[in-house]
Protein backbone atom coordinates (compact mmCIF):
# COMPACT_ATOMS: atom_id res chain seq x y z
CA MET A 1 -16.17 -0.22 -15.54
CA THR A 2 -14.11 -1.71 -18.17
CA ALA A 3 -10.36 -1.71 -18.38
CA ASN A 4 -7.73 -3.27 -20.47
CA LEU A 5 -6.07 -5.18 -17.36
CA ASN A 6 -3.57 -8.18 -17.77
CA ILE A 7 -4.83 -10.34 -15.10
CA LEU A 8 -3.06 -13.66 -14.13
CA TYR A 9 -5.55 -15.89 -12.75
CA GLY A 10 -4.36 -18.84 -10.40
CA VAL A 11 -6.34 -21.72 -9.69
CA SER A 12 -5.41 -24.09 -6.94
CA GLY A 13 -7.23 -27.47 -6.19
CA GLY A 14 -10.25 -27.26 -4.30
CA ILE A 15 -13.80 -27.95 -4.91
CA ALA A 16 -14.43 -24.34 -5.67
CA ALA A 17 -12.31 -24.50 -8.56
CA TYR A 18 -15.63 -25.16 -10.67
CA LYS A 19 -16.32 -21.40 -10.20
CA SER A 20 -13.12 -20.31 -12.03
CA ALA A 21 -14.89 -20.75 -15.33
CA GLU A 22 -17.28 -18.09 -14.31
CA VAL A 23 -14.43 -15.94 -13.01
CA VAL A 24 -12.68 -16.02 -16.15
CA ARG A 25 -15.90 -15.19 -18.24
CA LEU A 26 -16.58 -11.90 -15.99
CA LEU A 27 -12.88 -10.85 -16.06
CA ARG A 28 -13.07 -11.15 -20.08
CA LYS A 29 -16.39 -9.38 -20.05
CA ARG A 30 -14.84 -6.44 -18.10
CA GLY A 31 -12.18 -6.19 -20.86
CA ALA A 32 -9.35 -8.01 -19.13
CA GLN A 33 -6.69 -10.11 -20.64
CA VAL A 34 -6.60 -13.32 -18.82
CA ARG A 35 -3.88 -15.93 -18.52
CA VAL A 36 -4.71 -18.88 -16.39
CA VAL A 37 -2.20 -20.83 -14.42
CA MET A 38 -3.40 -24.17 -12.53
CA THR A 39 -2.04 -26.37 -10.04
CA GLU A 40 -1.94 -30.34 -10.78
CA ALA A 41 -4.68 -30.62 -8.33
CA ALA A 42 -6.73 -27.94 -9.74
CA MET A 43 -7.08 -29.72 -12.83
CA GLN A 44 -8.69 -32.82 -11.17
CA PHE A 45 -11.69 -30.49 -10.62
CA ILE A 46 -11.85 -28.44 -13.81
CA THR A 47 -10.24 -29.01 -17.19
CA PRO A 48 -7.76 -26.76 -18.67
CA LEU A 49 -9.52 -26.87 -22.12
CA THR A 50 -12.56 -25.08 -20.49
CA LEU A 51 -10.53 -22.18 -19.05
CA GLN A 52 -8.38 -22.13 -22.33
CA ALA A 53 -11.59 -21.73 -24.27
CA LEU A 54 -12.87 -18.89 -22.06
CA SER A 55 -9.72 -16.95 -21.66
CA GLY A 56 -8.47 -17.42 -25.35
CA GLN A 57 -5.14 -18.24 -24.16
CA PRO A 58 -3.22 -21.40 -23.27
CA VAL A 59 -3.54 -22.70 -19.69
CA LEU A 60 -0.07 -22.95 -17.95
CA SER A 61 0.74 -25.40 -15.42
CA GLN A 62 4.27 -26.46 -15.57
CA LEU A 63 7.15 -24.76 -14.14
CA LEU A 64 10.00 -26.37 -15.90
CA ASP A 65 8.59 -26.44 -19.37
CA ALA A 66 11.45 -26.98 -21.89
CA ASP A 67 9.63 -25.15 -24.71
CA SER A 68 9.53 -21.98 -22.70
CA GLU A 69 11.93 -21.73 -19.75
CA HIS A 70 14.77 -20.82 -21.98
CA ALA A 71 13.03 -17.35 -21.89
CA MET A 72 12.40 -17.52 -18.20
CA ASP A 73 8.77 -17.67 -18.86
CA HIS A 74 7.73 -17.51 -15.26
CA ILE A 75 9.43 -14.40 -14.62
CA ARG A 76 8.23 -12.79 -17.98
CA LEU A 77 4.68 -13.71 -16.98
CA ALA A 78 4.71 -12.09 -13.50
CA ARG A 79 6.09 -8.90 -15.23
CA TRP A 80 3.13 -9.06 -17.78
CA ALA A 81 0.33 -9.18 -14.99
CA ASP A 82 -1.17 -5.79 -13.61
CA VAL A 83 -2.93 -8.05 -10.99
CA ILE A 84 -2.80 -11.65 -9.94
CA LEU A 85 -5.83 -13.30 -8.46
CA ILE A 86 -5.67 -16.74 -6.99
CA ALA A 87 -9.19 -18.36 -6.44
CA PRO A 88 -9.55 -20.69 -5.01
CA ALA A 89 -6.71 -20.46 -2.63
CA THR A 90 -6.47 -23.66 -0.52
CA ALA A 91 -4.99 -23.88 2.97
CA ASP A 92 -2.05 -25.77 1.49
CA PHE A 93 -1.53 -22.86 -1.12
CA ILE A 94 -1.66 -20.26 1.31
CA ALA A 95 0.81 -21.97 3.51
CA LYS A 96 3.05 -22.01 0.46
CA CYS A 97 2.84 -18.56 0.03
CA ARG A 98 3.23 -17.71 3.56
CA HIS A 99 6.49 -19.67 3.93
CA GLY A 100 7.91 -18.74 0.40
CA LEU A 101 7.69 -21.84 -1.32
CA ALA A 102 8.03 -22.15 -4.85
CA ASP A 103 7.49 -25.90 -5.93
CA ASP A 104 5.14 -25.25 -8.92
CA LEU A 105 4.48 -22.58 -11.37
CA LEU A 106 1.82 -20.76 -9.48
CA SER A 107 3.73 -20.55 -6.24
CA THR A 108 6.81 -19.47 -8.11
CA LEU A 109 4.58 -16.64 -9.87
CA TYR A 110 3.44 -15.45 -6.61
CA LEU A 111 6.98 -15.01 -5.43
CA ALA A 112 8.20 -13.26 -8.41
CA ALA A 113 5.04 -10.85 -8.67
CA THR A 114 5.66 -7.14 -8.06
CA CYS A 115 1.98 -6.30 -8.80
CA PRO A 116 -1.06 -6.44 -6.55
CA VAL A 117 -1.94 -9.90 -5.32
CA TYR A 118 -5.59 -10.89 -4.29
CA ILE A 119 -6.30 -14.35 -2.73
CA ALA A 120 -9.76 -15.73 -2.31
CA PRO A 121 -9.42 -18.43 0.38
CA ALA A 122 -11.67 -21.75 0.18
CA MET A 123 -11.51 -24.53 2.65
CA ASN A 124 -13.57 -26.39 5.12
CA GLN A 125 -14.83 -24.13 8.02
CA ALA A 126 -12.74 -26.18 10.68
CA MET A 127 -9.63 -25.76 8.53
CA TRP A 128 -10.30 -21.97 8.32
CA SER A 129 -10.59 -21.43 12.08
CA LYS A 130 -7.34 -23.23 12.68
CA PRO A 131 -4.82 -21.00 14.46
CA VAL A 132 -2.02 -21.97 11.83
CA VAL A 133 -4.11 -20.88 8.91
CA GLN A 134 -5.12 -17.47 10.34
CA ASP A 135 -1.59 -16.68 11.22
CA SER A 136 -0.47 -17.56 7.56
CA ILE A 137 -3.50 -15.24 6.64
CA GLN A 138 -2.36 -12.43 8.96
CA THR A 139 1.32 -12.86 7.81
CA LEU A 140 0.17 -12.52 3.97
CA ARG A 141 -1.87 -9.39 4.72
CA ALA A 142 1.09 -7.77 6.52
CA HIS A 143 3.05 -8.40 3.26
CA GLY A 144 0.43 -6.57 1.26
CA VAL A 145 -1.64 -9.48 -0.05
CA GLN A 146 -5.39 -8.50 0.03
CA MET A 147 -7.88 -11.17 0.96
CA ILE A 148 -11.28 -11.31 -0.59
CA GLY A 149 -13.71 -13.61 1.65
CA PRO A 150 -14.30 -16.42 2.45
CA GLU A 151 -17.95 -16.32 3.08
CA ALA A 152 -20.24 -18.05 5.45
CA GLY A 153 -22.66 -20.80 4.44
CA GLU A 154 -22.97 -24.54 3.65
CA GLN A 155 -19.96 -26.18 2.27
CA ALA A 156 -19.54 -28.95 -0.24
CA CYS A 157 -18.85 -31.60 2.68
CA GLY A 158 -22.14 -30.67 4.17
CA GLU A 159 -20.86 -28.71 7.04
CA VAL A 160 -21.80 -24.94 7.78
CA GLY A 161 -19.39 -21.87 8.44
CA LEU A 162 -16.67 -19.57 7.20
CA GLY A 163 -14.84 -21.10 4.31
CA ARG A 164 -16.67 -20.88 1.04
CA MET A 165 -14.94 -18.90 -1.72
CA SER A 166 -16.45 -15.73 -2.48
CA GLU A 167 -18.76 -15.47 -5.58
CA PRO A 168 -17.18 -14.67 -8.93
CA SER A 169 -19.03 -11.42 -9.08
CA ALA A 170 -17.91 -10.28 -5.71
CA LEU A 171 -14.17 -11.05 -6.55
CA VAL A 172 -14.27 -9.38 -10.02
CA ASP A 173 -16.27 -6.24 -8.52
CA GLN A 174 -13.53 -5.95 -5.79
CA ILE A 175 -10.53 -6.36 -7.97
CA TYR A 176 -12.07 -3.50 -10.37
CA ALA A 177 -12.91 -1.18 -7.48
CA GLU A 178 -9.43 -1.51 -6.07
CA CYS A 179 -8.22 -0.71 -9.87
CA ILE A 180 -10.33 2.46 -9.82
CA ASP A 181 -8.39 3.56 -6.76
CA GLN A 182 -5.15 2.95 -8.39
CA LEU A 183 -5.86 5.22 -11.47
CA PRO A 184 -3.55 8.20 -11.93
CA CYS A 185 -5.73 10.66 -9.88
CA LEU A 186 -2.98 12.99 -9.16
CA GLN A 187 -1.46 13.14 -12.61
CA GLY A 188 0.26 16.26 -13.26
CA LEU A 189 0.35 17.37 -9.38
CA SER A 190 3.36 17.67 -7.09
CA VAL A 191 3.16 16.30 -3.56
CA LEU A 192 5.37 16.88 -0.74
CA ILE A 193 5.39 14.44 1.97
CA SER A 194 7.25 14.19 5.28
CA ALA A 195 7.81 11.06 7.13
CA GLY A 196 9.47 9.15 9.92
CA PRO A 197 10.58 10.42 13.41
CA THR A 198 12.84 13.17 14.47
CA ARG A 199 15.80 12.95 16.70
CA GLU A 200 16.63 15.90 19.18
CA PRO A 201 19.94 15.46 20.59
CA LEU A 202 20.76 15.57 24.25
CA ASP A 203 24.53 14.69 23.82
CA PRO A 204 26.69 13.34 21.27
CA VAL A 205 25.26 9.88 21.92
CA ARG A 206 21.64 10.33 23.13
CA TYR A 207 18.63 11.75 21.35
CA LEU A 208 14.91 12.20 22.30
CA SER A 209 12.71 10.35 19.55
CA ASN A 210 9.59 8.32 19.29
CA ARG A 211 8.55 4.85 17.92
CA SER A 212 7.62 5.98 14.27
CA SER A 213 8.93 3.69 11.47
CA GLY A 214 8.23 5.72 8.57
CA LYS A 215 6.15 2.92 6.82
CA MET A 216 3.03 5.05 6.61
CA GLY A 217 4.52 7.95 4.95
CA TYR A 218 6.77 5.90 2.76
CA ALA A 219 3.68 4.14 1.73
CA LEU A 220 1.84 7.28 0.97
CA ALA A 221 4.90 8.56 -1.16
CA LYS A 222 4.82 5.37 -3.41
CA ALA A 223 0.91 5.59 -3.57
CA ALA A 224 1.20 9.29 -4.83
CA LEU A 225 3.78 8.29 -7.25
CA ALA A 226 1.69 5.27 -8.58
CA ALA A 227 -1.28 7.79 -8.90
CA GLY A 228 0.83 10.09 -11.14
CA ALA A 229 2.12 12.74 -8.93
CA LYS A 230 5.63 13.91 -8.75
CA VAL A 231 6.74 13.37 -5.09
CA THR A 232 9.18 14.91 -3.11
CA LEU A 233 9.78 12.94 0.50
CA ILE A 234 11.38 14.64 3.39
CA SER A 235 12.41 11.67 5.83
CA GLY A 236 13.43 11.56 9.15
CA PRO A 237 16.09 8.83 10.11
CA VAL A 238 14.38 5.46 8.96
CA THR A 239 15.62 2.07 7.52
CA LEU A 240 13.30 2.33 4.39
CA SER A 241 14.08 3.10 0.84
CA ALA A 242 12.24 5.13 -1.63
CA PRO A 243 11.61 4.36 -5.39
CA VAL A 244 14.41 6.10 -7.55
CA GLU A 245 11.65 8.36 -8.95
CA ILE A 246 10.98 9.91 -5.62
CA GLU A 247 13.32 12.90 -4.65
CA ARG A 248 14.36 12.16 -1.22
CA ILE A 249 15.76 14.71 1.36
CA SER A 250 17.03 13.25 4.53
CA VAL A 251 16.74 15.26 7.87
CA GLU A 252 17.31 14.50 11.49
CA THR A 253 15.98 17.09 13.83
CA ALA A 254 12.70 18.91 14.07
CA ALA A 255 14.32 21.99 13.09
CA GLU A 256 15.72 20.40 10.08
CA MET A 257 12.42 19.13 9.06
CA TYR A 258 10.73 22.34 9.52
CA ASP A 259 13.36 24.10 7.24
CA ALA A 260 13.03 21.63 4.36
CA VAL A 261 9.26 21.51 4.40
CA LEU A 262 8.70 25.24 4.55
CA ALA A 263 11.45 25.74 1.79
CA ARG A 264 9.13 23.69 -0.53
CA ALA A 265 5.86 23.60 0.46
CA SER A 266 4.62 26.62 -1.70
CA SER A 267 5.84 24.90 -4.95
CA HIS A 268 3.65 21.97 -4.21
CA SER A 269 0.28 21.19 -4.71
CA ILE A 270 -0.42 19.04 -1.71
CA TYR A 271 1.63 18.58 1.47
CA ILE A 272 0.99 15.49 3.77
CA GLY A 273 2.68 15.62 7.05
CA ALA A 274 2.97 12.20 8.01
CA ALA A 275 5.97 12.56 10.10
CA ALA A 276 6.09 12.12 13.85
CA VAL A 277 7.96 15.41 14.39
CA ALA A 278 8.98 16.04 18.06
CA ASP A 279 6.76 18.31 19.98
CA TYR A 280 9.69 19.39 22.20
CA SER A 281 13.57 19.71 21.91
CA PRO A 282 16.51 20.12 24.52
CA VAL A 283 17.31 23.88 25.12
CA THR A 284 20.90 22.93 25.00
CA MET A 285 22.96 20.01 23.81
CA ALA A 286 25.90 18.88 26.00
CA SER A 287 29.09 18.83 24.22
CA CYS A 288 30.32 15.51 25.91
CA LYS A 289 28.62 12.46 26.76
CA ILE A 290 26.23 13.07 29.79
CA LYS A 291 27.69 11.01 32.72
CA LYS A 292 25.48 8.95 35.12
CA ASN A 293 26.67 10.67 38.22
CA GLU A 294 23.64 12.09 39.70
CA GLN A 295 20.51 10.14 40.96
CA THR A 296 18.19 12.47 38.91
CA LEU A 297 18.65 14.20 35.71
CA THR A 298 16.64 17.53 34.71
CA LEU A 299 16.28 18.34 30.98
CA VAL A 300 15.13 21.69 30.15
CA LEU A 301 12.92 21.39 26.78
CA GLN A 302 11.55 23.88 24.42
CA LYS A 303 8.53 23.81 22.07
CA THR A 304 9.29 23.16 18.57
CA ARG A 305 8.08 25.27 15.69
CA ASP A 306 4.64 23.71 14.41
CA ILE A 307 5.19 22.76 10.59
CA LEU A 308 1.40 21.99 9.80
CA ALA A 309 0.28 24.96 11.24
CA ASP A 310 2.97 27.26 9.34
CA VAL A 311 2.59 25.44 6.08
CA ALA A 312 -1.24 26.06 6.30
CA ALA A 313 -0.49 29.60 6.89
CA LEU A 314 1.38 30.37 3.75
CA PRO A 315 0.29 32.94 1.56
CA SER A 316 0.64 30.43 -1.35
CA ARG A 317 -0.25 27.35 0.67
CA PRO A 318 -0.65 23.74 -0.50
CA PHE A 319 -3.57 21.73 0.17
CA THR A 320 -2.60 20.59 3.58
CA VAL A 321 -3.07 17.04 5.01
CA GLY A 322 -2.03 16.52 8.72
CA PHE A 323 -1.78 13.26 10.82
CA ALA A 324 -2.85 12.81 14.60
CA ALA A 325 -1.55 9.90 16.55
CA GLU A 326 -3.77 9.59 19.56
CA THR A 327 -4.16 7.25 22.71
CA HIS A 328 -7.50 8.68 23.60
CA ALA A 329 -10.37 10.87 22.44
CA LEU A 330 -9.04 10.36 18.77
CA GLU A 331 -11.97 12.17 16.92
CA ASP A 332 -12.19 15.05 19.52
CA TYR A 333 -8.25 15.62 19.15
CA ALA A 334 -8.36 15.24 15.45
CA SER A 335 -11.28 17.78 14.96
CA ALA A 336 -9.78 20.31 17.26
CA LYS A 337 -6.44 19.91 15.30
CA LEU A 338 -7.92 20.15 11.79
CA ILE A 339 -9.73 23.73 12.97
CA GLU A 340 -6.82 25.14 15.12
CA LYS A 341 -4.27 24.50 12.49
CA ASN A 342 -6.43 25.55 9.66
CA LEU A 343 -5.73 22.11 7.93
CA ASP A 344 -7.59 21.00 4.82
CA MET A 345 -7.79 17.35 5.98
CA ILE A 346 -6.49 15.21 8.98
CA ALA A 347 -5.95 11.60 9.15
CA ALA A 348 -6.20 10.44 12.90
CA ASN A 349 -5.06 6.78 14.00
CA TRP A 350 -4.76 5.05 17.34
CA VAL A 351 -1.37 4.25 18.86
CA GLY A 352 -0.67 2.10 21.90
CA GLN A 353 -3.53 -0.14 20.74
CA ALA A 354 -3.25 -3.99 20.24
CA GLN A 355 -2.98 -3.59 16.48
CA GLY A 356 -1.53 -1.05 14.00
CA GLY A 357 0.18 2.34 14.27
CA PHE A 358 3.72 2.33 15.24
CA ASP A 359 5.90 -0.52 14.64
CA SER A 360 3.19 -2.43 12.61
CA GLU A 361 2.35 -3.23 8.98
CA LEU A 362 -1.10 -2.56 9.65
CA ASN A 363 -2.94 0.64 10.45
CA ALA A 364 -6.48 2.11 10.29
CA LEU A 365 -7.48 5.99 9.71
CA HIS A 366 -10.13 8.28 10.76
CA VAL A 367 -10.22 11.06 8.18
CA LEU A 368 -11.82 14.36 8.68
CA TRP A 369 -11.96 17.26 6.08
CA ARG A 370 -13.72 20.51 5.53
CA GLU A 371 -16.40 21.00 3.17
CA GLY A 372 -17.78 24.62 2.87
CA SER A 373 -17.38 27.28 5.37
CA ASN A 374 -18.35 25.11 8.52
CA GLY A 375 -18.84 21.74 7.76
CA ILE A 376 -16.67 18.79 8.47
CA CYS A 377 -16.91 15.35 6.64
CA GLN A 378 -15.53 12.26 7.92
CA LYS A 379 -14.59 8.66 6.66
CA GLN A 380 -13.32 5.51 8.42
CA LEU A 381 -10.52 3.66 6.29
CA PRO A 382 -10.58 0.38 8.24
CA MET A 383 -7.65 -1.89 9.38
CA THR A 384 -5.45 -3.09 6.61
CA ASN A 385 -1.76 -3.04 5.49
CA LYS A 386 -0.22 0.32 5.20
CA SER A 387 0.45 0.02 1.42
CA LEU A 388 -3.19 -0.57 0.86
CA LEU A 389 -4.44 2.01 3.04
CA ALA A 390 -2.08 4.65 1.51
CA GLN A 391 -3.64 4.01 -1.71
CA HIS A 392 -7.22 4.60 -0.28
CA LEU A 393 -5.86 7.74 1.49
CA ILE A 394 -4.33 9.12 -1.43
CA ARG A 395 -7.46 8.55 -3.45
CA LEU A 396 -9.58 10.20 -0.92
CA ILE A 397 -7.17 13.25 -0.91
CA ALA A 398 -7.52 13.46 -4.70
CA ASP A 399 -11.28 13.35 -4.44
CA VAL A 400 -11.58 16.33 -1.76
CA PHE A 401 -8.64 18.20 -3.54
CA ASN A 402 -9.95 18.31 -7.01
CA PRO A 403 -13.31 16.16 -7.50
CA GLN A 404 -13.24 17.21 -11.18
CA LEU A 405 -9.97 15.62 -11.65
CA THR A 406 -10.75 12.35 -10.14
CA ALA A 407 -14.16 12.46 -11.85
CA ASN A 408 -12.38 12.25 -15.26
CA THR A 409 -9.90 9.62 -14.42
């Protein structure tokens, strides 16, 4: 695939910098416009002239350039980029990014960027295995940075292990594969998404709720918007913000979310039920704060209305995607929910595990969907940050909902 992407390519100072010439050549072959930024150390390994000749653009290295800083060139360049690729990324440069340092042009561009960022680590195998380096890697992943590699093999120092920079062809292939995922595969469609928890009041002070942060639902809303959809987000109480292009309706209780979703579902092409809606709510709410007078307290709860099942049962129903958060028997519960509620697709994830799910920047999904009259297809979306995971799920939803549409993007 070729695409007219604007790629800001950063090179930091490791021996793998010699591979940067091939990276630039392959990016240009794919049709990308490439601007190269080098650290001072990188220029000790490969000359700027080489990368300038291959990219067809001047190579930049100075943060405080008197000829360009009047126009805030570093901000302008960060806005120009569709993608930032940093390869090789040394342990030193990764630590800078992790701690938000900005003492050269490349690290400043990283902080100023709002586009996707890919980092290809390259360092000695012992450095790579250090806990402090791994902590930086995990932190950057949680912030949405996508890591490519490193690979295992013989290193320039003669040692063998993880730490080799991924080959240029692998870097370019992954970036372009991700760019395909970000094409406007939902152009012209309307998507309704519910996100976050609900709160079921016990008295004027207390309520029943759950640990949902809303991060997955909000990430899906942003990914759907980026895919070209008109997005409506019905949100329980969270501390997140949505882009201004998204219509957001705030609700608190399961009943309010039910009413908001059912009132809008038929007018949307796709509904994604990512909210963690309470299964039960108190039969009555105390008018005054409940006092701690008794040794035990009995609460009488009633089942809430099933949003997913009722959306799927509408005469004019949208393509309906449910979520299932489970502590055990994930696939069994998810497949049963898919059939019983007559859903088109379900995305199941573990909760209560060591990583991912509630209160985390990371998640993984086991996605099931119907194909034909009886068939069920499955796909694993592995553990990654929720922003990237949302992009993958939106692409999968688009593929299943309208294969012809995505085949033409």
